[in-house]
Protein backbone atom coordinates (compact mmCIF):
# COMPACT_ATOMS: atom_id res chain seq x y z
CA UNK A 1 92.07 111.20 90.91
CA UNK A 2 93.82 108.67 87.82
CA UNK A 3 94.58 111.17 85.40
CA UNK A 4 95.72 114.57 86.16
CA UNK A 5 93.69 117.76 85.51
CA UNK A 6 94.89 121.14 85.49
CA UNK A 7 94.63 121.43 89.22
CA UNK A 8 96.24 118.21 90.42
CA UNK A 9 100.20 117.61 89.62
CA UNK A 10 100.76 114.47 87.63
CA UNK A 11 102.71 112.78 90.47
CA UNK A 12 99.53 113.50 92.55
CA UNK A 13 97.54 111.07 90.30
CA UNK A 14 97.43 107.42 89.92
CA UNK A 15 98.81 107.13 86.71
CA UNK A 16 101.80 109.00 87.79
CA UNK A 17 101.80 107.31 90.91
CA UNK A 18 101.79 104.02 88.56
CA UNK A 19 104.79 105.17 86.42
CA UNK A 20 106.93 105.80 89.81
CA UNK A 21 106.07 101.86 90.54
CA UNK A 22 106.47 101.01 87.46
CA UNK A 23 110.11 102.48 87.61
CA UNK A 24 111.05 100.50 90.88
CA UNK A 25 110.25 96.86 89.17
CA UNK A 26 113.11 95.56 87.76
CA UNK A 27 112.76 92.26 89.79
CA UNK A 28 109.44 90.68 91.18
CA UNK A 29 108.72 92.40 94.50
CA UNK A 30 106.30 92.02 96.93
CA UNK A 31 103.10 95.03 97.85
CA UNK A 32 104.80 94.92 101.35
CA UNK A 33 108.23 95.96 99.71
CA UNK A 34 106.81 98.50 96.82
CA UNK A 35 105.11 100.10 100.17
CA UNK A 36 108.44 100.29 102.10
CA UNK A 37 110.73 101.77 98.79
CA UNK A 38 108.02 104.40 98.36
CA UNK A 39 108.27 105.42 101.76
CA UNK A 40 112.09 105.93 101.77
CA UNK A 41 112.01 107.54 98.35
CA UNK A 42 109.51 109.84 99.99
CA UNK A 43 111.48 110.70 102.76
CA UNK A 44 114.38 111.48 100.92
CA UNK A 45 112.59 113.31 98.77
CA UNK A 46 112.86 111.30 95.44
CA UNK A 47 109.37 111.25 94.65
CA UNK A 48 107.32 114.22 95.90
CA UNK A 49 103.49 113.28 96.15
CA UNK A 50 102.65 111.95 99.26
CA UNK A 51 100.16 109.04 98.67
CA UNK A 52 98.50 106.19 101.36
CA UNK A 53 98.63 102.35 100.93
CA UNK A 54 94.96 102.65 99.63
CA UNK A 55 96.38 104.75 96.51
CA UNK A 56 99.53 102.23 95.82
CA UNK A 57 97.08 99.77 95.43
CA UNK A 58 94.84 101.48 93.26
CA UNK A 59 97.41 101.99 91.51
CA UNK A 60 98.78 98.45 90.84
CA UNK A 61 94.84 97.71 90.32
CA UNK A 62 95.19 100.15 87.46
CA UNK A 63 98.85 98.95 86.51
CA UNK A 64 97.23 95.27 86.02
CA UNK A 65 93.91 96.16 84.68
CA UNK A 66 96.09 97.69 80.98
CA UNK A 67 98.36 95.01 81.14
CA UNK A 68 101.21 96.83 82.38
CA UNK A 69 102.32 94.74 85.38
CA UNK A 70 101.51 90.66 86.62
CA UNK A 71 101.14 88.98 89.95
CA UNK A 72 102.86 85.91 90.46
CA UNK A 73 102.94 84.08 93.70
CA UNK A 74 102.49 87.44 95.81
CA UNK A 75 104.97 89.32 93.93
CA UNK A 76 104.49 92.14 91.28
CA UNK A 77 106.00 91.60 88.37
CA UNK A 78 106.71 93.97 84.82
CA UNK A 79 105.40 92.63 81.96
CA UNK A 80 107.20 93.14 78.64
């Protein structure tokens, strides 16, 4: 689900997960490293919604489609 509904928490939506991803893009990072960081944050209860790797990819594609992130040489960077 891209956007939250009254039965879905914001953190469980791709929009919320995209927000989390943007906070982790202080410097260029690979998708694998981003996934590892998410797993660490989830384990340490710094992000409360459980997402799979496919949701990570969907959130990155969503962020790319709205111009929030860019990919260069295998690294994801925040635009602007």
